[in-house]
Amino acid sequence: MSKLKKIADNIKNNKFDEALKQCNSLDDKNDKHIICNFKGVIHLIKGNLEESEKNFLNSLKIKSDYKDPIKNLYLVYLKKKNFKDLLFYAKKLTEIDKFNNEYNYQLAYAFELNNNLDEARKYYELYLEQNGNNKKKALNNIGCIYLKRNKPKIAIEFFLKAIELGEDKIIINNIFNCYVLLRDLTNSEIFYIKAQKIDDTFIEFKHTKAKYLILHNKIDEALEVLNENKDKPNFLITLLILYFNLGENELGKKLLKDTRHKMEKDPDFFNYYGLKLLYEGDFDTGWKFYEFRNSKIIGNKQNNKFKNVKEWSGEKILNKHIVVIYEQGLGDSIQFSKYLIPLTKIAEEVTFIVQDNIRNLFKKNIKNLSIKTIDEHTNVKYDYKITLGSLIKFFYKEKIKFQDIIIQSDKELDLKWKKKISKSKFNIGLTWSGSFNGVNEPYRSIPLQTFKDFFSLESNFYCLQSEVWSRDLEYFKSFNFIDCGKYKLNEIASIIHNLDLIITTDTSILHLSASLGKETWGIISLYPDWRWGEFNKFNPYPNLKIFKQKKFNDWFDVKDSLLNELKIKINNYKK
């Protein structure tokens, strides 16, 4: 038996100390790369990650195309949560062995951990095309990617395909979670029962269960589940949001105070803490914590593009070129783009990287300002960078005129829709719900049936939202809507331009409509987003009227107020 075979056998038989002694005693130059790899394996099994990494790297220094240490380094960096190096060695594996489909799965997973979701999906799909052994997991992971992309309807398709290959508590809970996000009362109940039967102790099930109970208005039961698990960040944040939406401000504040020391390293917690402070008007402290949101978006495509550019922290930039990067929703990009104006006055040049679907909404030929998408961007050298949301802390005291808002509709599209929209009746644009996946969405979205009395009024109603939740589909089909949800936002902007009034919850449509100067009635929840708190005094929308909820989960007071004012509007229109 060769000496190398003896070492391998000792490792296999868990005789690690003996195997390590044998490795150290060997001085075979020809096999040194193998010995280094063996030593790395021993240290990896024993949990000595630093020693393990060192030995695998030494093995590769001797023989750069040796596959074993590359595979092992993948495991090391996975354990160390060093996702950048994990991706590097995942790519190496596919380069060295192009015909091993399992490496496509590993590469896909590495891309996913680096938040490069497009590439992750591509390699998962390649893995499936080549009949990989772990189809169920790959299908589940693709579903998770679509879920992260805020597309639960598509995610469900992959989860259902995955579950056909065998029952799995993780996948069952993913389906359950999707139906909760979609506000699908029937299917959420079906999968609640299924998930509960498989494993009612599964922690992710418990969190989804809490959201399910909120959906079904079983608030006391939801509070019980959340309080039992409030040592975990996702439960804690859901609990905090629920407390504040219930109007239990003192309980929420106490929970924030009591748990802060436990959540020192959790960006979600501090991001939410910052939002709460901003809502209360504590800007100095609030902005500091609000910056924690950036730790969640590091892996985004648009941020990776500018990772080597210095962060702007308020220094003089009179002769500098600064890039501003979007990092939240469409409504944020629309509303906060106004802060680009004061930035152009103190910088030589400003480039704003914006989402593809709102690129055409921005005015052209603004001095010192260029608007680009990430795909339009070329290798420009920037002096500084900043995310759009972080601009606010420097300019929130600026008195920005409404006329300086840089959103506009397309004149040609305006004319097109002017011909299409009849003025024989009062024309109303309506949005009653927003993103499926937003943490505050269950509280700021309104069941469509709440508006049933509206549809007997002598008016045309235009649906301006792209997605309709499952709970609303029946009512949506029964109402005589003109459905505009299929159009892109630049077309929606021109539709809005030609309507008489926009009624909307706190979505991107609110900010789009108000920015365009259209009369807008905004419906906000009892505890709304921070921008509708004290910060509201800086609201640039003179054409926006706010209708605020008075009681948790009760929209009827708001509905009655809206209906009374709407009747007056329509009667005046007839005259």
Protein backbone atom coordinates (compact mmCIF):
# COMPACT_ATOMS: atom_id res chain seq x y z
CA MET A 1 0.00 0.00 0.00
CA SER A 2 1.39 3.42 -1.00
CA LYS A 3 1.97 6.08 1.60
CA LEU A 4 -0.66 8.35 -0.04
CA LYS A 5 -3.20 5.52 0.04
CA LYS A 6 -2.53 5.03 3.78
CA ILE A 7 -3.16 8.75 4.43
CA ALA A 8 -6.39 8.64 2.43
CA ASP A 9 -7.57 5.57 4.37
CA ASN A 10 -6.76 7.16 7.72
CA ILE A 11 -8.79 10.25 6.76
CA LYS A 12 -11.63 8.01 5.65
CA ASN A 13 -11.50 6.16 8.99
CA ASN A 14 -11.43 9.40 11.02
CA LYS A 15 -7.80 8.90 12.12
CA PHE A 16 -6.98 12.53 11.49
CA ASP A 17 -4.03 13.02 13.84
CA GLU A 18 -2.31 9.95 12.42
CA ALA A 19 -3.00 11.11 8.86
CA LEU A 20 -1.60 14.58 9.64
CA LYS A 21 1.59 13.02 11.12
CA GLN A 22 2.07 10.96 7.95
CA CYS A 23 1.58 14.09 5.78
CA ASN A 24 4.20 16.01 7.78
CA SER A 25 6.70 13.14 7.55
CA LEU A 26 6.49 12.89 3.77
CA ASP A 27 8.89 14.90 1.66
CA ASP A 28 7.90 13.80 -1.80
CA LYS A 29 8.32 16.72 -4.21
CA ASN A 30 6.29 14.98 -6.91
CA ASP A 31 3.27 14.52 -4.66
CA LYS A 32 3.57 17.67 -2.58
CA HIS A 33 0.35 19.16 -4.06
CA ILE A 34 -1.55 16.02 -2.99
CA ILE A 35 -0.06 16.12 0.53
CA CYS A 36 -1.03 19.82 0.90
CA ASN A 37 -4.55 18.97 -0.19
CA PHE A 38 -4.74 16.10 2.34
CA LYS A 39 -3.59 18.45 5.12
CA GLY A 40 -6.23 20.97 4.02
CA VAL A 41 -8.94 18.28 4.15
CA ILE A 42 -7.91 17.23 7.68
CA HIS A 43 -8.00 20.83 8.93
CA LEU A 44 -11.32 21.43 7.16
CA ILE A 45 -12.90 18.41 8.89
CA LYS A 46 -11.50 19.58 12.24
CA GLY A 47 -12.92 23.07 11.66
CA ASN A 48 -9.56 24.85 11.30
CA LEU A 49 -10.64 26.95 8.34
CA GLU A 50 -7.59 29.23 8.20
CA GLU A 51 -5.12 26.30 8.15
CA SER A 52 -7.31 24.47 5.70
CA GLU A 53 -7.44 27.46 3.33
CA LYS A 54 -3.64 27.92 3.55
CA ASN A 55 -2.93 24.30 2.61
CA PHE A 56 -5.37 24.23 -0.31
CA LEU A 57 -3.85 27.43 -1.68
CA ASN A 58 -0.36 25.94 -1.32
CA SER A 59 -1.53 22.89 -3.23
CA LEU A 60 -2.70 25.12 -6.09
CA LYS A 61 0.59 27.05 -6.10
CA ILE A 62 2.32 23.78 -6.90
CA LYS A 63 -0.27 22.54 -9.42
CA SER A 64 -2.73 25.22 -10.56
CA ASP A 65 -5.07 22.87 -12.44
CA TYR A 66 -5.42 20.35 -9.58
CA LYS A 67 -9.19 20.00 -9.18
CA ASP A 68 -9.41 18.66 -5.60
CA PRO A 69 -8.19 21.78 -3.72
CA ILE A 70 -10.42 23.97 -5.93
CA LYS A 71 -13.46 21.90 -4.88
CA ASN A 72 -12.32 22.07 -1.28
CA LEU A 73 -11.73 25.82 -1.34
CA TYR A 74 -15.36 26.16 -2.48
CA LEU A 75 -16.37 24.43 0.77
CA VAL A 76 -13.99 26.56 2.86
CA TYR A 77 -15.36 29.83 1.49
CA LEU A 78 -18.91 28.59 1.86
CA LYS A 79 -18.26 27.94 5.56
CA LYS A 80 -16.45 31.28 5.93
CA LYS A 81 -19.28 33.06 4.10
CA ASN A 82 -16.67 34.59 1.84
CA PHE A 83 -18.96 34.67 -1.18
CA LYS A 84 -16.62 36.65 -3.42
CA ASP A 85 -13.89 33.96 -3.29
CA LEU A 86 -16.56 31.25 -3.37
CA LEU A 87 -17.66 32.58 -6.77
CA PHE A 88 -14.08 32.73 -8.02
CA TYR A 89 -13.48 29.04 -7.32
CA ALA A 90 -16.91 28.02 -8.58
CA LYS A 91 -15.96 29.62 -11.92
CA LYS A 92 -12.60 27.82 -11.79
CA LEU A 93 -14.35 24.45 -11.46
CA THR A 94 -16.49 25.03 -14.55
CA GLU A 95 -13.40 26.15 -16.50
CA ILE A 96 -11.36 23.07 -15.53
CA ASP A 97 -14.19 20.59 -16.06
CA LYS A 98 -16.77 21.91 -18.52
CA PHE A 99 -18.60 18.60 -18.75
CA ASN A 100 -19.40 18.16 -15.06
CA ASN A 101 -22.94 19.50 -14.75
CA GLU A 102 -22.81 19.49 -10.95
CA TYR A 103 -20.35 22.37 -11.16
CA ASN A 104 -23.04 24.42 -12.93
CA TYR A 105 -25.19 24.00 -9.85
CA GLN A 106 -22.35 25.13 -7.59
CA LEU A 107 -21.70 28.13 -9.82
CA ALA A 108 -25.40 29.03 -9.81
CA TYR A 109 -25.47 28.83 -6.02
CA ALA A 110 -22.35 31.02 -5.76
CA PHE A 111 -23.95 33.64 -8.02
CA GLU A 112 -27.09 33.53 -5.88
CA LEU A 113 -25.10 34.08 -2.67
CA ASN A 114 -23.44 37.05 -4.36
CA ASN A 115 -26.91 38.40 -5.17
CA ASN A 116 -26.26 38.13 -8.91
CA LEU A 117 -29.68 36.63 -9.48
CA ASP A 118 -29.75 36.77 -13.28
CA GLU A 119 -26.56 34.71 -13.60
CA ALA A 120 -27.73 32.36 -10.84
CA ARG A 121 -30.97 31.63 -12.66
CA LYS A 122 -29.09 31.11 -15.94
CA TYR A 123 -26.84 28.40 -14.48
CA TYR A 124 -29.66 26.71 -12.55
CA GLU A 125 -31.58 26.50 -15.83
CA LEU A 126 -28.48 25.12 -17.60
CA TYR A 127 -28.17 22.54 -14.82
CA LEU A 128 -31.79 21.48 -15.34
CA GLU A 129 -31.38 21.32 -19.13
CA GLN A 130 -28.49 18.88 -18.65
CA ASN A 131 -30.55 16.70 -16.26
CA GLY A 132 -28.68 17.40 -13.05
CA ASN A 133 -29.11 15.02 -10.12
CA ASN A 134 -30.60 17.61 -7.80
CA LYS A 135 -33.50 18.91 -9.91
CA LYS A 136 -35.75 19.50 -6.93
CA LYS A 137 -33.29 21.83 -5.22
CA ALA A 138 -32.50 23.68 -8.46
CA LEU A 139 -36.21 24.26 -9.15
CA ASN A 140 -36.71 25.47 -5.58
CA ASN A 141 -33.75 27.85 -5.88
CA ILE A 142 -35.09 29.32 -9.13
CA GLY A 143 -38.40 29.84 -7.34
CA CYS A 144 -36.56 31.64 -4.54
CA ILE A 145 -34.87 33.90 -7.09
CA TYR A 146 -38.24 34.90 -8.55
CA LEU A 147 -39.50 35.46 -5.02
CA LYS A 148 -36.57 37.81 -4.35
CA ARG A 149 -37.49 39.55 -7.61
CA ASN A 150 -40.95 40.13 -6.16
CA LYS A 151 -42.62 37.70 -8.59
CA PRO A 152 -44.45 35.20 -6.37
CA LYS A 153 -46.77 34.05 -9.18
CA ILE A 154 -43.81 32.83 -11.26
CA ALA A 155 -42.04 31.53 -8.13
CA ILE A 156 -45.01 29.28 -7.34
CA GLU A 157 -44.70 27.59 -10.75
CA PHE A 158 -41.17 26.43 -9.92
CA PHE A 159 -42.01 25.47 -6.34
CA LEU A 160 -44.93 23.33 -7.56
CA LYS A 161 -42.66 21.59 -10.10
CA ALA A 162 -40.12 20.99 -7.32
CA ILE A 163 -42.69 19.48 -4.96
CA GLU A 164 -43.72 16.96 -7.65
CA LEU A 165 -40.28 15.40 -7.15
CA GLY A 166 -40.92 14.73 -3.46
CA GLU A 167 -42.43 16.34 -0.35
CA ASP A 168 -40.16 18.83 1.35
CA LYS A 169 -40.96 21.13 4.27
CA ILE A 170 -38.83 23.96 2.85
CA ILE A 171 -40.59 23.92 -0.53
CA ILE A 172 -44.06 23.48 1.01
CA ASN A 173 -43.39 26.52 3.18
CA ASN A 174 -42.15 28.48 0.14
CA ILE A 175 -45.47 27.77 -1.63
CA PHE A 176 -47.36 28.68 1.54
CA ASN A 177 -45.41 31.95 1.77
CA CYS A 178 -46.18 32.81 -1.88
CA TYR A 179 -49.91 32.36 -1.38
CA VAL A 180 -49.76 34.54 1.73
CA LEU A 181 -47.92 37.24 -0.26
CA LEU A 182 -50.53 36.99 -3.01
CA ARG A 183 -53.29 37.39 -0.40
CA ASP A 184 -54.79 34.14 -1.74
CA LEU A 185 -57.09 33.22 1.16
CA THR A 186 -58.08 29.80 -0.19
CA ASN A 187 -54.70 28.41 -1.23
CA SER A 188 -52.88 29.94 1.73
CA GLU A 189 -55.19 27.96 4.00
CA ILE A 190 -54.61 24.71 2.02
CA PHE A 191 -50.82 25.04 2.28
CA TYR A 192 -51.00 26.22 5.88
CA ILE A 193 -52.55 22.85 6.75
CA LYS A 194 -49.96 20.98 4.62
CA ALA A 195 -46.98 22.83 6.10
CA GLN A 196 -48.31 22.38 9.64
CA LYS A 197 -48.70 18.61 9.15
CA ILE A 198 -45.13 18.18 7.85
CA ASP A 199 -43.38 20.14 10.61
CA ASP A 200 -45.09 22.77 12.74
CA THR A 201 -41.80 23.42 14.60
CA PHE A 202 -39.99 24.53 11.43
CA ILE A 203 -38.93 28.09 12.17
CA GLU A 204 -39.61 29.44 8.67
CA PHE A 205 -43.09 27.93 8.82
CA LYS A 206 -43.71 29.77 12.09
CA HIS A 207 -42.79 33.11 10.49
CA THR A 208 -45.01 32.48 7.47
CA LYS A 209 -47.74 31.33 9.88
CA ALA A 210 -47.59 34.69 11.67
CA LYS A 211 -48.03 36.54 8.34
CA TYR A 212 -50.87 34.12 7.44
CA LEU A 213 -52.65 34.88 10.72
CA ILE A 214 -52.33 38.63 10.06
CA LEU A 215 -53.77 38.06 6.57
CA HIS A 216 -56.76 36.25 8.11
CA ASN A 217 -57.10 39.03 10.72
CA LYS A 218 -56.24 36.69 13.62
CA ILE A 219 -54.12 39.35 15.27
CA ASP A 220 -53.96 37.91 18.81
CA GLU A 221 -52.72 34.55 17.48
CA ALA A 222 -50.16 36.29 15.27
CA LEU A 223 -48.87 38.32 18.21
CA GLU A 224 -48.47 35.12 20.24
CA VAL A 225 -46.34 33.44 17.52
CA LEU A 226 -44.23 36.55 16.98
CA ASN A 227 -43.63 37.18 20.68
CA GLU A 228 -42.56 33.56 21.21
CA ASN A 229 -39.82 34.01 18.58
CA LYS A 230 -38.89 37.68 18.90
CA ASP A 231 -35.24 36.79 19.53
CA LYS A 232 -34.99 36.14 15.78
CA PRO A 233 -34.60 39.24 13.55
CA ASN A 234 -37.29 38.45 10.97
CA PHE A 235 -39.90 37.74 13.68
CA LEU A 236 -38.85 40.85 15.59
CA ILE A 237 -39.24 43.15 12.60
CA THR A 238 -42.63 41.66 11.68
CA LEU A 239 -43.70 42.15 15.32
CA LEU A 240 -42.48 45.76 15.39
CA ILE A 241 -44.30 46.58 12.16
CA LEU A 242 -47.48 44.97 13.48
CA TYR A 243 -47.30 46.87 16.79
CA PHE A 244 -46.92 50.21 15.06
CA ASN A 245 -49.67 49.44 12.56
CA LEU A 246 -51.94 48.50 15.44
CA GLY A 247 -51.21 51.92 16.93
CA GLU A 248 -49.39 50.27 19.87
CA ASN A 249 -46.60 52.84 19.75
CA GLU A 250 -45.49 52.43 23.36
CA LEU A 251 -45.18 48.64 23.01
CA GLY A 252 -43.26 49.14 19.77
CA LYS A 253 -40.89 51.69 21.32
CA LYS A 254 -40.27 49.47 24.34
CA LEU A 255 -39.52 46.50 22.09
CA LEU A 256 -37.09 48.59 20.06
CA LYS A 257 -35.32 49.70 23.25
CA ASP A 258 -35.24 46.20 24.80
CA THR A 259 -33.96 44.39 21.73
CA ARG A 260 -31.50 46.86 20.29
CA HIS A 261 -28.49 45.35 22.12
CA LYS A 262 -29.39 41.87 20.82
CA MET A 263 -29.57 42.98 17.20
CA GLU A 264 -26.34 44.96 16.96
CA LYS A 265 -25.22 43.19 13.80
CA ASP A 266 -28.52 42.83 11.99
CA PRO A 267 -28.95 45.35 9.14
CA ASP A 268 -32.70 44.71 8.85
CA PHE A 269 -33.27 45.69 12.46
CA PHE A 270 -31.23 48.88 12.31
CA ASN A 271 -32.71 49.82 8.96
CA TYR A 272 -36.17 49.57 10.48
CA TYR A 273 -35.01 51.39 13.62
CA GLY A 274 -33.75 54.21 11.41
CA LEU A 275 -37.07 54.39 9.56
CA LYS A 276 -38.93 54.68 12.85
CA LEU A 277 -36.69 57.55 13.99
CA LEU A 278 -37.17 59.33 10.67
CA TYR A 279 -40.93 58.96 10.98
CA GLU A 280 -40.76 60.63 14.38
CA GLY A 281 -38.66 63.45 12.98
CA ASP A 282 -35.33 62.47 14.60
CA PHE A 283 -33.34 63.02 11.42
CA ASP A 284 -29.87 63.29 12.91
CA THR A 285 -29.98 59.80 14.46
CA GLY A 286 -32.42 58.37 11.91
CA TRP A 287 -30.20 58.94 8.87
CA LYS A 288 -27.36 57.13 10.63
CA PHE A 289 -29.39 53.96 11.10
CA TYR A 290 -31.14 54.30 7.74
CA GLU A 291 -27.74 53.80 6.11
CA PHE A 292 -27.80 50.17 7.28
CA ARG A 293 -30.07 49.38 4.32
CA ASN A 294 -26.98 49.67 2.11
CA SER A 295 -25.46 46.56 3.67
CA LYS A 296 -28.31 44.59 2.08
CA ILE A 297 -27.78 45.85 -1.43
CA ILE A 298 -24.02 45.40 -1.76
CA GLY A 299 -24.41 42.54 -4.19
CA ASN A 300 -26.75 44.35 -6.55
CA LYS A 301 -25.64 44.62 -10.15
CA GLN A 302 -25.64 48.41 -10.09
CA ASN A 303 -23.56 48.57 -6.92
CA ASN A 304 -21.00 46.01 -8.07
CA LYS A 305 -20.38 48.21 -11.08
CA PHE A 306 -19.18 51.03 -8.82
CA LYS A 307 -17.63 49.10 -5.92
CA ASN A 308 -14.22 50.78 -6.38
CA VAL A 309 -15.59 54.32 -6.41
CA LYS A 310 -15.18 56.38 -3.22
CA GLU A 311 -18.35 57.03 -1.18
CA TRP A 312 -19.36 60.69 -1.01
CA SER A 313 -19.78 61.95 2.55
CA GLY A 314 -20.40 65.65 1.96
CA GLU A 315 -17.00 66.94 0.88
CA LYS A 316 -16.67 69.70 -1.76
CA ILE A 317 -17.26 68.37 -5.28
CA LEU A 318 -17.21 71.57 -7.34
CA ASN A 319 -14.84 70.03 -9.90
CA LYS A 320 -15.91 66.41 -9.44
CA HIS A 321 -18.08 63.85 -11.21
CA ILE A 322 -20.45 61.97 -8.88
CA VAL A 323 -22.61 58.95 -9.70
CA VAL A 324 -25.94 58.48 -7.87
CA ILE A 325 -27.24 54.91 -7.80
CA TYR A 326 -30.84 53.79 -7.34
CA GLU A 327 -31.31 51.13 -4.67
CA GLN A 328 -34.96 50.90 -3.71
CA GLY A 329 -38.37 50.93 -5.41
CA LEU A 330 -39.64 52.90 -8.39
CA GLY A 331 -41.57 55.28 -6.13
CA ASP A 332 -38.38 56.12 -4.22
CA SER A 333 -36.52 56.86 -7.46
CA ILE A 334 -39.33 59.12 -8.64
CA GLN A 335 -39.81 60.99 -5.36
CA PHE A 336 -36.19 61.35 -4.33
CA SER A 337 -34.87 62.26 -7.78
CA LYS A 338 -35.67 65.87 -6.83
CA TYR A 339 -32.54 65.82 -4.64
CA LEU A 340 -30.45 65.53 -7.77
CA ILE A 341 -31.20 69.20 -8.47
CA PRO A 342 -29.31 70.69 -5.49
CA LEU A 343 -26.55 68.13 -6.13
CA THR A 344 -26.06 69.48 -9.68
CA LYS A 345 -25.47 72.94 -8.19
CA ILE A 346 -22.44 71.83 -6.16
CA ALA A 347 -20.92 69.18 -8.48
CA GLU A 348 -19.39 69.63 -11.92
CA GLU A 349 -21.27 66.59 -13.26
CA VAL A 350 -23.90 64.18 -11.90
CA THR A 351 -24.87 60.83 -13.39
CA PHE A 352 -27.98 59.09 -12.09
CA ILE A 353 -28.21 55.31 -12.59
CA VAL A 354 -31.92 54.56 -12.68
CA GLN A 355 -34.21 51.52 -13.20
CA ASP A 356 -34.85 50.56 -16.84
CA ASN A 357 -38.63 50.91 -16.62
CA ILE A 358 -38.61 54.58 -15.58
CA ARG A 359 -35.64 55.75 -17.64
CA ASN A 360 -37.86 57.58 -20.16
CA LEU A 361 -39.74 59.52 -17.49
CA PHE A 362 -36.87 61.87 -16.74
CA LYS A 363 -36.46 65.26 -18.37
CA LYS A 364 -33.68 65.64 -20.86
CA ASN A 365 -31.09 68.41 -21.08
CA ILE A 366 -30.87 69.25 -17.39
CA LYS A 367 -27.62 71.10 -16.77
CA ASN A 368 -24.83 68.92 -15.32
CA LEU A 369 -27.16 65.87 -15.09
CA SER A 370 -27.24 62.71 -17.19
CA ILE A 371 -29.70 59.84 -16.67
CA LYS A 372 -28.55 56.31 -17.51
CA THR A 373 -29.54 52.72 -16.84
CA ILE A 374 -26.93 50.24 -15.72
CA ASP A 375 -26.89 48.72 -19.22
CA GLU A 376 -26.35 52.13 -20.84
CA HIS A 377 -23.46 52.81 -18.56
CA THR A 378 -19.93 52.73 -20.00
CA ASN A 379 -16.59 52.69 -18.22
CA VAL A 380 -16.69 56.28 -16.97
CA LYS A 381 -14.30 57.33 -14.23
CA TYR A 382 -16.16 58.83 -11.26
CA ASP A 383 -14.73 60.73 -8.35
CA TYR A 384 -17.53 59.80 -5.92
CA LYS A 385 -20.64 57.67 -5.61
CA ILE A 386 -23.74 57.74 -3.40
CA THR A 387 -27.02 55.83 -3.30
CA LEU A 388 -30.12 57.91 -4.02
CA GLY A 389 -31.70 57.44 -0.59
CA SER A 390 -28.53 58.69 1.10
CA LEU A 391 -28.74 62.00 -0.77
CA ILE A 392 -31.69 63.03 1.38
CA LYS A 393 -29.63 63.52 4.54
CA PHE A 394 -27.62 66.25 2.80
CA PHE A 395 -30.53 68.08 1.15
CA TYR A 396 -33.75 67.43 3.08
CA LYS A 397 -33.78 71.05 4.33
CA GLU A 398 -33.51 72.41 0.78
CA LYS A 399 -36.60 74.22 -0.47
CA ILE A 400 -36.99 72.51 -3.82
CA LYS A 401 -39.70 74.02 -6.01
CA PHE A 402 -42.33 71.77 -7.43
CA GLN A 403 -41.33 73.03 -10.88
CA ASP A 404 -37.87 71.54 -10.32
CA ILE A 405 -39.21 67.97 -10.20
CA ILE A 406 -37.56 66.20 -13.12
CA ILE A 407 -40.31 63.73 -14.04
CA GLN A 408 -42.38 64.27 -17.18
CA SER A 409 -44.65 62.35 -19.54
CA ASP A 410 -43.95 61.84 -23.23
CA LYS A 411 -45.75 64.44 -25.40
CA GLU A 412 -46.42 62.01 -28.26
CA LEU A 413 -47.87 59.43 -25.89
CA ASP A 414 -49.90 62.20 -24.25
CA LEU A 415 -51.54 62.96 -27.60
CA LYS A 416 -52.14 59.28 -28.29
CA TRP A 417 -54.05 58.83 -25.03
CA LYS A 418 -55.86 62.14 -25.37
CA LYS A 419 -57.57 60.65 -28.43
CA LYS A 420 -58.34 57.38 -26.61
CA ILE A 421 -59.78 58.75 -23.38
CA SER A 422 -63.33 60.01 -23.66
CA LYS A 423 -64.23 63.17 -21.76
CA SER A 424 -67.93 62.37 -21.71
CA LYS A 425 -67.45 61.04 -18.17
CA PHE A 426 -65.18 61.85 -15.26
CA ASN A 427 -62.03 59.68 -15.60
CA ILE A 428 -60.44 58.20 -12.48
CA GLY A 429 -57.19 56.22 -12.18
CA LEU A 430 -57.23 53.74 -9.30
CA THR A 431 -54.48 51.83 -7.50
CA TRP A 432 -55.41 49.92 -4.35
CA SER A 433 -52.38 47.68 -3.74
CA GLY A 434 -48.70 47.56 -4.53
CA SER A 435 -45.74 45.24 -4.32
CA PHE A 436 -46.40 41.64 -3.25
CA ASN A 437 -43.27 41.45 -1.17
CA GLY A 438 -43.06 44.75 0.66
CA VAL A 439 -42.89 44.32 4.46
CA ASN A 440 -45.54 47.01 4.98
CA GLU A 441 -47.71 46.01 2.03
CA PRO A 442 -50.35 44.04 4.01
CA TYR A 443 -51.10 47.21 5.98
CA ARG A 444 -51.16 49.79 3.20
CA SER A 445 -53.11 47.80 0.58
CA ILE A 446 -56.90 47.86 0.48
CA PRO A 447 -59.25 45.01 -0.51
CA LEU A 448 -60.77 46.01 -3.83
CA GLN A 449 -64.32 45.29 -2.64
CA THR A 450 -63.93 48.31 -0.28
CA PHE A 451 -64.45 50.50 -3.35
CA LYS A 452 -67.59 48.71 -4.63
CA ASP A 453 -69.78 51.80 -4.04
CA PHE A 454 -67.47 53.84 -6.29
CA PHE A 455 -68.29 51.86 -9.39
CA SER A 456 -71.93 52.89 -9.47
CA LEU A 457 -70.83 56.50 -9.95
CA GLU A 458 -71.00 58.03 -13.40
CA SER A 459 -67.30 57.72 -14.13
CA ASN A 460 -64.73 55.68 -16.03
CA PHE A 461 -62.29 53.77 -13.84
CA TYR A 462 -58.76 52.98 -15.04
CA CYS A 463 -56.77 50.29 -13.25
CA LEU A 464 -53.16 51.54 -13.03
CA GLN A 465 -51.51 48.64 -11.18
CA SER A 466 -49.68 45.85 -12.96
CA GLU A 467 -50.62 43.02 -10.57
CA VAL A 468 -53.92 42.10 -8.98
CA TRP A 469 -53.81 40.05 -5.79
CA SER A 470 -55.68 36.74 -5.72
CA ARG A 471 -58.18 37.99 -3.14
CA ASP A 472 -59.20 40.80 -5.53
CA LEU A 473 -59.50 38.87 -8.81
CA GLU A 474 -63.19 38.04 -8.46
CA TYR A 475 -64.13 41.67 -7.77
CA PHE A 476 -61.73 42.93 -10.42
CA LYS A 477 -63.46 40.85 -13.10
CA SER A 478 -66.91 41.98 -12.01
CA PHE A 479 -66.13 45.72 -12.14
CA ASN A 480 -66.08 47.57 -15.42
CA PHE A 481 -62.38 48.54 -15.26
CA ILE A 482 -60.32 49.86 -18.14
CA ASP A 483 -57.22 47.79 -17.40
CA CYS A 484 -53.97 49.69 -18.03
CA GLY A 485 -51.76 47.50 -15.87
CA LYS A 486 -50.13 45.86 -18.90
CA TYR A 487 -48.51 49.14 -20.01
CA LYS A 488 -45.00 50.33 -19.11
CA LEU A 489 -44.68 53.24 -16.70
CA ASN A 490 -43.89 55.82 -19.39
CA GLU A 491 -47.24 54.92 -21.01
CA ILE A 492 -48.98 54.94 -17.61
CA ALA A 493 -47.58 58.47 -17.15
CA SER A 494 -49.39 59.62 -20.31
CA ILE A 495 -52.61 57.90 -19.25
CA ILE A 496 -52.38 59.73 -15.91
CA HIS A 497 -51.75 62.99 -17.78
CA ASN A 498 -55.13 62.61 -19.50
CA LEU A 499 -57.22 61.48 -16.53
CA ASP A 500 -59.12 63.81 -14.20
CA LEU A 501 -58.14 62.33 -10.85
CA ILE A 502 -55.85 59.64 -9.42
CA ILE A 503 -56.84 57.72 -6.27
CA THR A 504 -54.03 55.55 -5.00
CA THR A 505 -52.48 53.87 -2.00
CA ASP A 506 -48.83 54.50 -1.13
CA THR A 507 -47.27 53.08 -4.30
CA SER A 508 -45.06 54.30 -7.14
CA ILE A 509 -48.25 55.48 -8.89
CA LEU A 510 -48.79 58.03 -6.10
CA HIS A 511 -45.36 59.54 -6.65
CA LEU A 512 -45.63 59.37 -10.43
CA SER A 513 -49.03 61.04 -10.52
CA ALA A 514 -48.13 63.73 -7.97
CA SER A 515 -44.81 64.43 -9.73
CA LEU A 516 -46.66 64.94 -13.02
CA GLY A 517 -48.82 67.59 -11.36
CA LYS A 518 -52.04 65.59 -11.59
CA GLU A 519 -54.60 65.98 -8.81
CA THR A 520 -53.89 62.96 -6.60
CA TRP A 521 -55.69 61.53 -3.59
CA GLY A 522 -53.27 59.44 -1.58
CA ILE A 523 -54.56 56.80 0.84
CA ILE A 524 -52.16 55.94 3.64
CA SER A 525 -52.31 53.56 6.58
CA LEU A 526 -52.56 54.32 10.30
CA TYR A 527 -48.79 53.96 10.62
CA PRO A 528 -47.48 54.84 7.16
CA ASP A 529 -44.02 54.90 5.64
CA TRP A 530 -41.59 57.35 7.26
CA ARG A 531 -41.97 59.92 4.49
CA TRP A 532 -45.55 60.59 5.60
CA GLY A 533 -44.56 61.32 9.19
CA GLU A 534 -42.86 64.49 10.31
CA PHE A 535 -41.03 64.44 7.03
CA ASN A 536 -44.29 65.27 5.31
CA LYS A 537 -43.65 68.99 5.78
CA PHE A 538 -40.99 68.66 3.09
CA ASN A 539 -43.47 67.01 0.71
CA PRO A 540 -43.13 68.78 -2.67
CA TYR A 541 -46.56 67.78 -3.99
CA PRO A 542 -49.01 70.70 -3.78
CA ASN A 543 -51.53 68.66 -5.80
CA LEU A 544 -51.57 65.72 -3.34
CA LYS A 545 -54.35 65.31 -0.78
CA ILE A 546 -53.82 62.71 1.94
CA PHE A 547 -56.59 60.48 3.31
CA LYS A 548 -55.26 58.71 6.39
CA GLN A 549 -56.63 55.55 8.01
CA LYS A 550 -57.97 56.10 11.55
CA LYS A 551 -58.27 52.52 12.77
CA PHE A 552 -56.10 49.44 12.12
CA ASN A 553 -57.33 47.20 9.29
CA ASP A 554 -60.40 49.40 8.79
CA TRP A 555 -60.64 51.36 5.56
CA PHE A 556 -64.32 52.26 5.70
CA ASP A 557 -63.85 55.73 7.24
CA VAL A 558 -61.36 56.52 4.48
CA LYS A 559 -63.69 55.06 1.86
CA ASP A 560 -66.61 57.18 3.11
CA SER A 561 -64.52 60.37 3.03
CA LEU A 562 -63.29 59.59 -0.48
CA LEU A 563 -66.77 58.73 -1.71
CA ASN A 564 -68.32 61.94 -0.37
CA GLU A 565 -65.67 64.13 -1.98
CA LEU A 566 -65.75 62.14 -5.20
CA LYS A 567 -69.51 62.64 -5.58
CA ILE A 568 -69.00 66.40 -5.33
CA LYS A 569 -66.20 66.24 -7.95
CA ILE A 570 -68.32 64.25 -10.39
CA ASN A 571 -71.34 66.50 -9.93
CA ASN A 572 -69.22 69.58 -10.58
CA TYR A 573 -67.76 67.89 -13.66
CA LYS A 574 -71.26 67.35 -15.09
CA LYS A 575 -72.05 71.03 -14.70
